[in-house]
Protein backbone atom coordinates (compact mmCIF):
# COMPACT_ATOMS: atom_id res chain seq x y z
CA MET A 1 -31.35 50.79 20.95
CA ALA A 2 -28.21 50.41 18.95
CA ARG A 3 -28.01 47.61 16.30
CA TYR A 4 -25.94 44.73 17.39
CA THR A 5 -22.98 43.83 15.17
CA VAL A 6 -21.22 40.51 15.35
CA SER A 7 -17.46 40.59 16.18
CA ALA A 8 -16.34 39.26 12.85
CA ARG A 9 -17.82 42.15 11.01
CA LYS A 10 -17.15 44.72 13.80
CA TYR A 11 -13.50 44.04 14.07
CA ARG A 12 -12.90 43.36 10.49
CA PRO A 13 -9.41 44.80 9.42
CA GLN A 14 -9.43 48.12 7.72
CA TYR A 15 -5.56 48.25 7.07
CA PHE A 16 -3.09 45.76 5.88
CA SER A 17 -1.33 45.90 9.39
CA GLU A 18 -4.44 44.61 11.06
CA VAL A 19 -4.58 41.40 9.01
CA LYS A 20 -3.63 38.24 11.23
CA GLY A 21 -1.47 35.37 10.18
CA GLN A 22 -0.99 36.34 6.41
CA THR A 23 2.24 38.39 6.58
CA HIS A 24 3.61 36.70 3.41
CA ILE A 25 0.72 37.95 1.33
CA VAL A 26 0.37 41.25 3.08
CA ASP A 27 3.91 42.20 2.46
CA GLY A 28 3.64 41.28 -1.26
CA LEU A 29 0.52 43.29 -1.88
CA ARG A 30 1.93 46.42 0.09
CA ASN A 31 4.95 46.34 -2.20
CA ALA A 32 2.85 46.04 -5.29
CA VAL A 33 0.81 49.24 -4.24
CA LYS A 34 4.12 51.13 -3.17
CA GLN A 35 5.85 50.32 -6.50
CA ASN A 36 2.66 50.66 -8.64
CA LYS A 37 3.07 47.25 -10.02
CA ILE A 38 -0.49 46.04 -9.92
CA ALA A 39 -1.25 42.88 -11.82
CA ASN A 40 -4.16 42.57 -14.17
CA ALA A 41 -5.69 39.53 -12.14
CA TYR A 42 -5.25 38.01 -8.75
CA LEU A 43 -6.46 34.66 -7.43
CA PHE A 44 -6.75 34.19 -3.64
CA CYS A 45 -6.99 30.59 -2.45
CA GLY A 46 -7.24 29.16 1.09
CA LEU A 47 -9.43 27.96 3.94
CA LYS A 48 -12.44 29.72 5.19
CA GLY A 49 -12.21 32.65 7.49
CA THR A 50 -8.50 33.22 6.85
CA GLY A 51 -8.92 36.78 5.43
CA LYS A 52 -9.32 36.25 1.56
CA THR A 53 -12.27 38.56 1.13
CA THR A 54 -10.91 41.12 3.61
CA LEU A 55 -7.60 41.40 1.82
CA ALA A 56 -9.39 41.59 -1.63
CA ARG A 57 -11.43 44.70 -0.31
CA LEU A 58 -8.29 46.12 1.27
CA MET A 59 -6.42 45.73 -2.21
CA ALA A 60 -9.29 47.35 -4.04
CA ARG A 61 -9.23 50.33 -1.75
CA ALA A 62 -5.47 50.63 -1.93
CA ILE A 63 -5.41 50.55 -5.74
CA ASN A 64 -7.94 53.49 -5.91
CA CYS A 65 -6.54 55.33 -2.92
CA GLN A 66 -5.67 58.88 -4.00
CA ASP A 67 -2.86 59.40 -1.34
CA PRO A 68 -1.69 56.01 -0.06
CA THR A 69 0.92 55.96 2.68
CA GLU A 70 4.64 55.12 2.39
CA GLU A 71 4.00 51.53 3.76
CA GLY A 72 1.31 51.08 1.07
CA GLU A 73 -1.70 51.39 3.22
CA PRO A 74 -4.90 53.35 2.12
CA CYS A 75 -5.15 56.76 3.66
CA GLY A 76 -8.71 56.34 4.73
CA THR A 77 -9.58 60.04 4.28
CA CYS A 78 -9.96 60.40 0.50
CA SER A 79 -13.23 60.22 -1.32
CA SER A 80 -12.51 56.66 -2.57
CA CYS A 81 -11.55 55.32 0.95
CA ALA A 82 -14.27 57.22 2.55
CA GLU A 83 -17.11 55.90 0.32
CA PRO A 84 -18.66 52.67 1.75
CA ASN A 85 -19.65 51.42 -1.63
CA PRO A 86 -17.57 53.01 -4.43
CA LEU A 87 -18.69 52.86 -7.83
CA ASN A 88 -15.48 51.68 -9.23
CA ILE A 89 -15.43 48.39 -7.16
CA HIS A 90 -17.78 45.62 -8.18
CA GLU A 91 -18.25 42.64 -5.99
CA LEU A 92 -19.95 39.63 -7.41
CA ASP A 93 -21.16 36.47 -5.71
CA ALA A 94 -20.53 33.56 -7.96
CA ALA A 95 -22.83 31.39 -5.77
CA SER A 96 -25.74 33.20 -7.28
CA HIS A 97 -24.16 34.61 -10.47
CA ASN A 98 -22.46 31.71 -12.08
CA SER A 99 -23.74 31.62 -15.51
CA ALA A 100 -22.18 32.77 -18.77
CA GLU A 101 -24.71 35.65 -19.29
CA ASP A 102 -23.57 37.09 -15.91
CA MET A 103 -19.91 37.01 -17.06
CA ARG A 104 -20.86 38.62 -20.44
CA HIS A 105 -22.58 41.38 -18.52
CA ILE A 106 -19.30 42.11 -16.60
CA VAL A 107 -17.31 42.03 -19.75
CA GLU A 108 -19.65 44.79 -21.23
CA GLN A 109 -19.16 46.94 -18.19
CA ILE A 110 -15.42 46.95 -18.15
CA ARG A 111 -15.20 48.50 -21.47
CA TYR A 112 -15.88 51.83 -20.15
CA HIS A 113 -13.67 53.81 -17.73
CA PRO A 114 -15.04 54.54 -14.27
CA PRO A 115 -16.63 57.97 -13.74
CA GLY A 116 -14.36 59.16 -10.89
CA GLY A 117 -11.12 57.96 -12.32
CA GLY A 118 -8.84 55.30 -10.99
CA LYS A 119 -9.44 51.67 -11.91
CA THR A 120 -12.32 49.38 -12.03
CA VAL A 121 -11.85 46.51 -9.71
CA ILE A 122 -14.02 43.27 -10.24
CA LEU A 123 -14.22 40.98 -7.10
CA ILE A 124 -15.64 37.55 -7.84
CA ASP A 125 -16.24 35.57 -4.49
CA GLU A 126 -16.54 31.78 -4.71
CA ALA A 127 -15.08 31.53 -8.12
CA HIS A 128 -15.11 27.72 -8.03
CA ILE A 129 -18.84 27.63 -8.48
CA LEU A 130 -18.69 29.42 -11.80
CA SER A 131 -19.90 27.15 -14.64
CA LYS A 132 -17.55 26.04 -17.40
CA ALA A 133 -19.13 28.25 -19.84
CA ALA A 134 -18.58 31.24 -17.48
CA LEU A 135 -15.00 30.49 -16.96
CA THR A 136 -14.65 30.17 -20.66
CA VAL A 137 -16.22 33.68 -21.11
CA LEU A 138 -13.53 35.12 -18.67
CA LEU A 139 -10.61 33.64 -20.56
CA LYS A 140 -10.16 36.42 -23.02
CA PRO A 141 -10.61 39.45 -20.52
CA LEU A 142 -8.26 37.91 -18.06
CA GLU A 143 -5.55 37.41 -20.64
CA GLU A 144 -5.95 40.81 -22.38
CA THR A 145 -7.37 43.01 -19.65
CA PRO A 146 -7.74 46.74 -20.24
CA GLU A 147 -5.32 48.90 -18.34
CA HIS A 148 -8.08 50.27 -16.06
CA VAL A 149 -9.47 46.96 -14.96
CA VAL A 150 -8.32 44.55 -12.25
CA PHE A 151 -9.87 41.10 -11.44
CA ILE A 152 -9.63 39.45 -8.08
CA LEU A 153 -11.03 35.94 -7.87
CA ILE A 154 -11.57 34.43 -4.37
CA THR A 155 -12.05 30.67 -3.87
CA THR A 156 -11.92 27.99 -1.13
CA GLU A 157 -11.59 25.21 -3.66
CA LYS A 158 -8.16 25.38 -5.13
CA LYS A 159 -8.29 22.48 -7.34
CA GLU A 160 -11.46 23.60 -9.09
CA VAL A 161 -9.79 26.62 -10.43
CA LEU A 162 -6.13 25.81 -10.69
CA ASN A 163 -6.78 22.85 -12.89
CA THR A 164 -8.20 25.21 -15.59
CA THR A 165 -6.28 27.82 -17.55
CA ILE A 166 -7.68 30.59 -15.37
CA SER A 167 -4.71 30.00 -12.88
CA SER A 168 -2.12 30.77 -15.63
CA ARG A 169 -3.62 34.02 -16.30
CA CYS A 170 -3.72 35.17 -12.52
CA GLN A 171 -1.24 35.96 -9.80
CA VAL A 172 -1.99 33.16 -7.24
CA HIS A 173 -1.74 33.72 -3.55
CA GLN A 174 -2.20 30.81 -1.20
CA PHE A 175 -3.55 31.70 2.27
CA ARG A 176 -2.58 29.66 5.36
CA PRO A 177 -4.47 28.53 8.31
CA ILE A 178 -4.15 30.99 11.30
CA PRO A 179 -1.93 29.68 14.05
CA ARG A 180 -3.78 28.90 17.23
CA ALA A 181 -1.61 31.30 19.35
CA THR A 182 -2.48 34.19 17.01
CA ILE A 183 -6.24 33.45 17.24
CA THR A 184 -6.02 33.37 21.14
CA ASP A 185 -4.29 36.74 21.33
CA HIS A 186 -6.81 38.24 18.81
CA LEU A 187 -9.66 36.87 21.01
CA PHE A 188 -8.21 38.40 24.17
CA GLN A 189 -7.95 41.81 22.41
CA VAL A 190 -11.50 41.58 21.27
CA ALA A 191 -12.61 40.44 24.77
CA GLY A 192 -10.74 43.47 26.36
CA LYS A 193 -12.59 45.89 23.94
CA GLU A 194 -15.96 44.27 24.81
CA GLY A 195 -15.15 44.18 28.56
CA VAL A 196 -15.44 40.46 28.95
CA THR A 197 -13.33 38.46 31.58
CA CYS A 198 -12.03 35.17 30.04
CA GLU A 199 -10.17 32.21 31.42
CA ARG A 200 -7.26 31.32 29.26
CA GLU A 201 -8.21 27.76 29.08
CA ALA A 202 -11.56 28.70 27.68
CA VAL A 203 -10.09 30.90 25.07
CA GLU A 204 -7.50 28.21 24.07
CA LEU A 205 -10.22 25.75 23.71
CA ILE A 206 -12.17 28.03 21.36
CA SER A 207 -9.12 28.64 19.32
CA GLU A 208 -8.56 24.93 18.93
CA GLN A 209 -12.08 24.33 17.80
CA ALA A 210 -11.78 27.28 15.30
CA GLN A 211 -9.34 25.10 13.35
CA GLY A 212 -7.30 28.05 11.81
CA SER A 213 -10.29 30.29 11.15
CA ILE A 214 -10.51 33.62 12.83
CA ARG A 215 -14.08 34.16 11.61
CA ASP A 216 -15.09 30.85 13.37
CA ALA A 217 -13.32 31.73 16.44
CA LEU A 218 -15.10 35.11 16.66
CA SER A 219 -18.54 33.51 16.09
CA LEU A 220 -17.82 30.90 18.72
CA PHE A 221 -16.78 33.79 21.23
CA ASP A 222 -19.89 35.77 20.60
CA LEU A 223 -22.11 32.74 21.16
CA ILE A 224 -20.59 31.69 24.40
CA VAL A 225 -20.35 35.17 25.87
CA ILE A 226 -24.03 35.62 25.27
CA PHE A 227 -24.70 32.21 26.63
CA SER A 228 -22.64 32.97 29.89
CA GLY A 229 -24.38 36.19 30.64
CA GLY A 230 -22.16 38.68 28.84
CA ASN A 231 -19.57 39.46 31.28
CA GLN A 232 -17.57 36.29 31.87
CA LEU A 233 -16.24 33.39 29.82
CA THR A 234 -15.39 30.14 31.78
CA LEU A 235 -14.03 26.79 30.65
CA GLU A 236 -17.24 25.02 31.96
CA ASP A 237 -19.33 27.36 29.78
CA VAL A 238 -17.41 26.37 26.71
CA TYR A 239 -17.72 22.73 27.38
CA GLN A 240 -21.42 22.98 27.89
CA HIS A 241 -22.30 25.12 24.92
CA LEU A 242 -20.05 23.44 22.48
CA HIS A 243 -21.40 20.10 23.49
CA PHE A 244 -17.81 18.97 24.02
CA LEU A 245 -16.65 16.53 26.73
CA ASN A 246 -14.20 17.79 29.22
CA HIS A 247 -10.58 16.45 28.91
CA LYS A 248 -10.90 15.19 32.40
CA ILE A 249 -13.66 12.80 31.48
CA TYR A 250 -11.46 11.25 28.81
CA THR A 251 -8.56 11.04 31.27
CA THR A 252 -10.85 9.08 33.79
CA LEU A 253 -12.21 7.15 31.06
CA THR A 254 -8.76 5.96 29.65
CA ASP A 255 -7.55 5.13 33.15
CA HIS A 256 -10.52 2.76 33.61
CA LEU A 257 -9.95 1.09 30.17
CA PHE A 258 -6.15 0.44 30.52
CA SER A 259 -6.85 -0.77 34.07
CA GLY A 260 -9.26 -3.45 32.80
CA GLU A 261 -12.19 -1.84 34.38
CA VAL A 262 -14.45 -2.01 31.44
CA GLY A 263 -17.67 -1.70 33.61
CA GLU A 264 -16.63 1.48 35.11
CA ALA A 265 -15.81 2.85 31.55
CA LEU A 266 -19.13 1.79 30.14
CA LEU A 267 -20.90 3.79 33.23
CA ILE A 268 -19.02 6.80 32.30
CA TYR A 269 -20.13 6.42 28.59
CA ARG A 270 -23.67 6.01 29.52
CA ASP A 271 -23.61 9.02 31.86
CA GLY A 272 -22.46 11.11 28.88
CA LEU A 273 -25.28 9.80 26.79
CA LYS A 274 -27.85 10.90 29.45
CA ARG A 275 -26.54 14.36 29.23
CA GLY A 276 -27.15 14.48 25.43
CA TYR A 277 -23.61 13.68 24.13
CA ASP A 278 -23.50 11.61 20.91
CA SER A 279 -21.58 8.20 20.65
CA TYR A 280 -19.82 9.53 17.68
CA GLN A 281 -18.59 12.45 19.81
CA TYR A 282 -17.30 10.03 22.31
CA LEU A 283 -15.27 8.11 19.70
CA TYR A 284 -13.93 11.33 18.18
CA GLY A 285 -12.99 12.83 21.64
CA LEU A 286 -11.36 9.66 22.68
CA THR A 287 -9.27 9.54 19.43
CA ARG A 288 -8.15 13.14 20.00
CA HIS A 289 -7.35 12.14 23.62
CA MET A 290 -5.03 9.22 22.40
CA ARG A 291 -3.41 11.37 19.86
CA ASN A 292 -2.41 13.86 22.63
CA LEU A 293 -1.13 11.02 24.83
CA LEU A 294 1.08 9.98 21.90
CA VAL A 295 2.33 13.33 21.34
CA ALA A 296 3.05 13.84 25.12
CA LYS A 297 5.43 10.74 24.95
CA GLN A 298 8.34 12.76 23.46
CA PRO A 299 9.57 16.11 25.01
CA ALA A 300 10.22 17.36 21.36
CA THR A 301 6.60 17.24 20.55
CA HIS A 302 4.99 18.83 23.57
CA GLY A 303 4.47 21.98 21.50
CA LEU A 304 2.08 20.18 19.42
CA LEU A 305 -0.52 19.68 22.34
CA PRO A 306 -3.40 21.81 21.54
CA THR A 307 -4.16 22.92 25.12
CA SER A 308 -2.78 25.09 27.88
CA SER A 309 0.20 24.27 30.06
CA GLU A 310 -2.04 22.92 32.87
CA VAL A 311 -3.76 20.38 30.61
CA ALA A 312 -0.64 19.65 28.82
CA THR A 313 0.88 18.60 32.18
CA ALA A 314 -2.01 16.14 32.79
CA TYR A 315 -1.44 14.54 29.30
CA ILE A 316 2.25 14.17 30.00
CA GLN A 317 1.65 12.55 33.42
CA GLN A 318 -0.88 10.16 32.04
CA SER A 319 1.26 9.24 28.96
CA LYS A 320 3.98 7.92 31.27
CA ARG A 321 1.44 5.29 32.83
CA ILE A 322 0.38 3.92 29.42
CA PRO A 323 2.79 2.04 27.14
CA THR A 324 3.25 3.42 23.51
CA PRO A 325 2.15 -0.01 21.90
CA LEU A 326 -1.21 0.12 23.74
CA ILE A 327 -1.75 3.64 22.38
CA TYR A 328 -1.13 2.57 18.80
CA GLN A 329 -3.39 -0.43 19.13
CA THR A 330 -6.11 1.79 20.67
CA LEU A 331 -5.85 4.21 17.56
CA THR A 332 -6.10 1.34 15.27
CA ILE A 333 -9.32 0.11 16.99
CA LEU A 334 -10.93 3.63 16.89
CA HIS A 335 -9.79 4.16 13.22
CA ASP A 336 -11.71 0.95 12.30
CA ALA A 337 -14.66 2.05 14.45
CA TYR A 338 -15.11 5.13 12.35
CA LYS A 339 -15.49 3.12 9.24
CA GLU A 340 -18.05 0.77 10.60
CA TYR A 341 -19.85 3.28 12.78
CA LYS A 342 -22.54 4.38 10.29
CA LYS A 343 -23.09 0.93 8.87
CA HIS A 344 -23.95 -0.58 12.30
CA PRO A 345 -27.72 -0.78 13.11
CA ASP A 346 -27.09 0.03 16.94
CA PRO A 347 -24.44 2.71 17.20
CA ILE A 348 -24.60 2.70 20.98
CA LEU A 349 -24.04 -1.08 21.15
CA TYR A 350 -21.07 -0.75 18.62
CA SER A 351 -19.47 2.04 20.77
CA GLU A 352 -19.69 -0.20 23.93
CA ILE A 353 -18.10 -3.16 22.07
CA THR A 354 -15.32 -0.76 20.99
CA LEU A 355 -14.68 0.34 24.40
CA ALA A 356 -14.71 -3.21 25.68
CA ARG A 357 -12.10 -4.27 23.01
CA ILE A 358 -9.89 -1.44 24.07
CA GLY A 359 -10.25 -2.50 27.74
CA CYS A 360 -8.99 -6.03 26.80
CA LEU A 361 -5.79 -4.81 25.36
CA GLN A 362 -4.09 -4.47 28.72
CA HIS A 363 -5.20 -8.08 29.67
CA ASP A 364 -3.89 -9.35 26.39
CA ALA A 365 -0.57 -7.65 26.77
CA HIS A 366 0.09 -9.36 30.17
CA ASN A 367 -1.41 -12.82 29.12
CA PRO A 368 -0.27 -13.72 25.60
CA PRO A 369 -2.19 -16.53 24.04
CA LYS A 370 -0.85 -20.13 24.61
CA ALA A 371 -0.56 -22.78 21.96
CA ALA A 372 -3.53 -25.18 22.25
CA SER A 373 -2.71 -28.75 23.48
CA VAL A 374 -4.44 -31.86 21.95
CA GLY A 375 -5.77 -34.05 24.97
CA LYS A 376 -3.02 -34.93 27.54
CA GLN A 377 -0.23 -35.21 25.06
CA GLN A 378 3.09 -34.05 26.47
CA PRO A 379 5.25 -31.88 24.49
CA ILE A 380 8.00 -33.37 22.58
CA ALA A 381 11.44 -32.87 24.19
CA ARG A 382 13.76 -31.58 21.59
CA PRO A 383 17.43 -32.05 22.13
CA THR A 384 19.21 -28.75 22.73
CA PRO A 385 21.94 -28.16 20.18
CA PRO A 386 25.59 -28.21 21.54
CA LYS A 387 27.19 -25.03 22.35
CA GLU A 388 30.43 -25.90 20.47
CA PRO A 389 30.56 -27.94 17.25
CA LEU A 390 31.56 -31.70 17.95
CA LYS A 391 34.90 -32.59 16.69
CA SER A 392 35.66 -36.12 15.27
CA THR A 393 38.39 -37.98 17.06
CA ALA A 394 38.49 -40.87 14.50
CA THR A 395 41.56 -41.08 12.33
CA LYS A 396 41.37 -41.68 8.66
CA PRO A 397 42.36 -45.30 7.89
CA LYS A 398 45.06 -45.94 5.29
CA VAL A 399 44.44 -48.00 2.15
CA GLY A 400 44.88 -51.62 2.86
CA GLU A 401 44.25 -51.43 6.67
CA PRO A 402 40.85 -52.66 8.16
CA SER A 403 38.50 -50.10 9.16
CA PRO A 404 35.78 -50.24 11.91
CA ASN A 405 33.17 -48.94 9.41
CA LYS A 406 32.20 -51.56 6.97
CA VAL A 407 31.12 -49.07 4.29
CA VAL A 408 34.50 -47.35 4.59
CA ASP A 409 36.36 -50.58 4.59
CA LYS A 410 34.59 -51.63 1.46
CA VAL A 411 35.42 -48.53 -0.28
CA LEU A 412 39.17 -48.49 0.72
CA ASN A 413 39.63 -52.36 0.47
CA PRO A 414 37.22 -53.55 -2.24
CA PRO A 415 37.14 -57.36 -2.61
CA PRO A 416 38.76 -59.12 -5.51
CA PRO A 417 36.71 -59.69 -8.56
CA LYS A 418 35.04 -63.17 -8.85
CA GLU A 419 36.64 -65.29 -11.76
CA THR A 420 34.10 -66.81 -14.10
CA SER A 421 34.31 -69.17 -16.73
CA ALA A 422 33.69 -68.42 -20.38
CA SER A 423 30.48 -70.40 -20.33
CA PHE A 424 27.92 -67.66 -19.40
CA GLY A 425 29.29 -66.81 -16.03
CA THR A 426 29.80 -70.35 -14.67
CA PRO A 427 32.22 -70.22 -11.65
CA ARG A 428 35.60 -71.58 -12.43
CA THR A 429 36.85 -74.69 -10.59
CA ALA A 430 40.27 -75.05 -9.01
CA SER A 431 41.44 -77.22 -11.88
CA GLU A 432 40.49 -74.51 -14.37
CA ARG A 433 42.41 -71.79 -12.55
CA THR A 434 45.60 -73.88 -12.65
CA THR A 435 45.05 -74.70 -16.52
CA PRO A 436 47.36 -72.46 -18.61
CA PRO A 437 45.47 -69.98 -20.76
CA GLN A 438 46.19 -71.90 -24.03
CA GLU A 439 44.56 -74.94 -22.83
CA LYS A 440 41.39 -73.51 -21.53
CA LYS A 441 39.46 -74.13 -24.78
CA GLN A 442 39.88 -77.84 -24.60
CA SER A 443 38.93 -78.07 -20.95
CA ILE A 444 35.67 -76.14 -21.22
CA PRO A 445 32.64 -78.46 -20.78
CA LEU A 446 29.85 -78.51 -23.22
CA GLN A 447 27.26 -79.00 -20.51
CA ALA A 448 26.78 -77.17 -17.29
CA THR A 449 27.98 -79.13 -14.28
CA ASN A 450 26.63 -77.10 -11.43
CA THR A 451 23.25 -75.43 -10.43
CA GLU A 452 24.31 -71.95 -11.55
CA ALA A 453 24.73 -73.13 -15.33
CA SER A 454 20.91 -74.24 -15.44
CA PHE A 455 20.00 -70.57 -15.85
CA PHE A 456 21.94 -70.39 -19.00
CA PRO A 457 20.76 -72.05 -22.51
CA THR A 458 22.47 -75.28 -23.46
CA ASP A 459 23.49 -76.50 -26.93
CA GLU A 460 20.31 -78.55 -27.25
CA ALA A 461 18.06 -75.62 -26.30
CA ILE A 462 19.73 -73.40 -28.92
CA LEU A 463 19.18 -75.99 -31.74
CA ARG A 464 15.49 -76.51 -30.56
CA GLN A 465 15.03 -72.68 -30.72
CA GLN A 466 16.56 -72.38 -34.18
CA ALA A 467 14.25 -75.18 -35.44
CA THR A 468 11.18 -73.55 -33.76
CA ASN A 469 12.08 -70.13 -35.36
CA LYS A 470 12.46 -71.84 -38.79
CA GLN A 471 9.07 -73.48 -38.61
CA ARG A 472 7.37 -70.18 -37.65
CA GLN A 473 9.00 -68.31 -40.41
CA GLU A 474 7.80 -71.16 -43.02
CA LYS A 475 4.13 -70.81 -41.64
CA GLU A 476 4.10 -66.96 -41.75
CA ALA A 477 5.71 -66.81 -45.25
CA PRO A 478 3.61 -69.08 -47.72
CA PRO A 479 5.34 -70.41 -50.95
CA SER A 480 5.34 -67.97 -53.91
CA SER A 481 3.32 -70.33 -56.04
CA THR A 482 0.26 -69.86 -53.98
CA LYS A 483 0.36 -66.07 -54.34
CA GLU A 484 -2.06 -64.69 -56.78
CA PRO A 485 -1.28 -61.47 -58.54
CA SER A 486 -3.41 -58.55 -57.24
CA GLN A 487 -3.83 -57.11 -60.83
CA PRO A 488 -2.94 -59.11 -64.01
CA GLN A 489 -0.57 -57.29 -66.22
CA PRO A 490 0.05 -58.26 -69.92
CA ALA A 491 3.21 -60.02 -70.56
CA THR A 492 5.85 -58.21 -72.66
CA ALA A 493 9.05 -59.30 -74.03
CA ASP A 494 11.01 -57.68 -71.22
CA THR A 495 9.00 -59.39 -68.54
CA ALA A 496 9.49 -62.85 -70.25
CA GLN A 497 13.39 -62.22 -70.37
CA THR A 498 13.37 -61.28 -66.82
CA LYS A 499 11.39 -64.32 -65.71
CA ALA A 500 13.76 -66.77 -67.67
CA HIS A 501 16.92 -64.99 -66.06
CA ARG A 502 15.32 -65.59 -62.63
CA GLN A 503 14.70 -69.25 -63.05
CA SER A 504 18.11 -69.83 -64.41
CA SER A 505 19.87 -68.05 -61.49
CA PRO A 506 20.45 -70.05 -58.35
CA PRO A 507 18.46 -69.11 -55.23
CA LYS A 508 20.31 -66.79 -52.59
CA LYS A 509 21.06 -68.47 -49.24
CA THR A 510 19.42 -66.50 -46.62
CA SER A 511 21.11 -66.55 -43.11
CA GLN A 512 19.02 -67.82 -40.26
CA VAL A 513 21.56 -66.77 -37.63
CA PRO A 514 20.07 -64.90 -34.71
CA LYS A 515 21.49 -61.59 -33.74
CA TRP A 516 22.71 -62.53 -30.43
CA VAL A 517 24.56 -65.53 -31.82
CA ALA A 518 26.25 -63.44 -34.57
CA LYS A 519 27.32 -60.95 -31.96
CA ALA A 520 28.80 -63.79 -29.82
CA LYS A 521 30.58 -65.09 -32.84
CA GLU A 522 32.18 -61.75 -33.54
CA ASN A 523 33.43 -61.42 -30.01
CA ASN A 524 34.66 -65.10 -29.93
CA ASP A 525 33.70 -65.54 -26.28
CA LEU A 526 30.93 -68.19 -26.40
CA ALA A 527 33.06 -71.53 -27.01
CA HIS A 528 30.03 -73.57 -25.97
CA LEU A 529 28.15 -72.46 -29.16
CA VAL A 530 30.69 -73.71 -31.80
CA LYS A 531 28.79 -76.79 -32.56
CA ALA A 532 25.51 -74.77 -32.73
CA LEU A 533 27.22 -72.35 -35.07
CA ASP A 534 28.47 -75.13 -37.40
CA LEU A 535 24.88 -76.05 -38.06
CA VAL A 536 23.82 -72.56 -39.16
CA PRO A 537 24.42 -71.86 -42.79
CA GLN A 538 27.28 -69.37 -43.41
């Protein structure tokens, strides 16, 4: 019985032309072989299953090929190409040989030329797992590599290697994810060689699940072919074996949710749980379905739909029935559900609540919330603003003419000022107004004759206040004879003469005039205080 070989190894490319989806790198390596411009070190970075190790081995064979073709391909017939494990190609797995001692062992080996001639090629796979000490050991050999040595480093973690000084010593090649259409065509080629009949929708679903990796796509292909019996590959087989819900289930589930039929949606969800599907798969599949509906909204983005034309048509038809805002809100709810899913003690209950929230979106869109009313209070009727600004028809009154507005009339026609007598604002009588100005002094009464004058001080009140102020000052300031000196000082001749001079000099008169009286005297406008001012010492 022949030994079974998986498709990923059985159909591994043996020439540059067989490599899929990496044309930008293949062309560069071919030109380097044709022009004999081989770099001292290469660094291959990219996702898993994109052909990094395959191209590294092809490059090692092409470098040591004794008779390469004009296109830079290895001949496949020489001793170096025919040898399955050539002595001048050393492949090292950094996952198990990542210490500094392992790197020192390699550095010792590259000192010697290979026995069969050619160049020694060192392939270090999973280079990002190398320790810091191991990378330090490789710095000098990578910078000053002998002419007969070529290093090829392979890694899936670009940041782990590019952040070091290793990348500056290597020629870096970034591998791209394989397009879905390229994977689909390659799977059909393998299926034709294996004699397997495949449905196109099934192959496209496998290509979608591979996510840019040909190796993963071939592994899924082998697995489903064995599960289905070995001769036929159907879409139903793919759904069952990948434990992946059919898009028709999500289409029905979405129709029930956006129709407000939350109960029907929960029954579909529970049916999936009975068949062994996980709640997290439901949320993930529903999120992918909503993404496809959003992409199907615009004709320009129909090419982004990751399915066949038949399924894409179903997405386009359903997207026309669902408004775009509802799709955005559903994606927001599902995104929040991912964050809280693992924290919730009951994931099934949390998934049902999430579906119920999505089912309420359509109801909320048709019935927006109303403002709450307090009791039976009626809303306040607000006057609507006029469509055109109101124009005033009133004419501006002239100065001197009466105005209907009292405020305007007071501003335009102010009343004449009231004439008051000189005696503290006492209103003047008719006889005073007819008296000539020079005779006003003689006609001013000394006492107030009306009630308004009672609010102002009279002559007698002024005299009484002066007498009271004088008595208060005498009480507060005791006579000098009663004062006792705080500290007796010896009498000298100078002090005796000073005392005699003070006794002989007459005392100075101190003015007892209040400040308000002095100010009135300066202004000469308080005629009724003349008699009081005569009593004050000048």
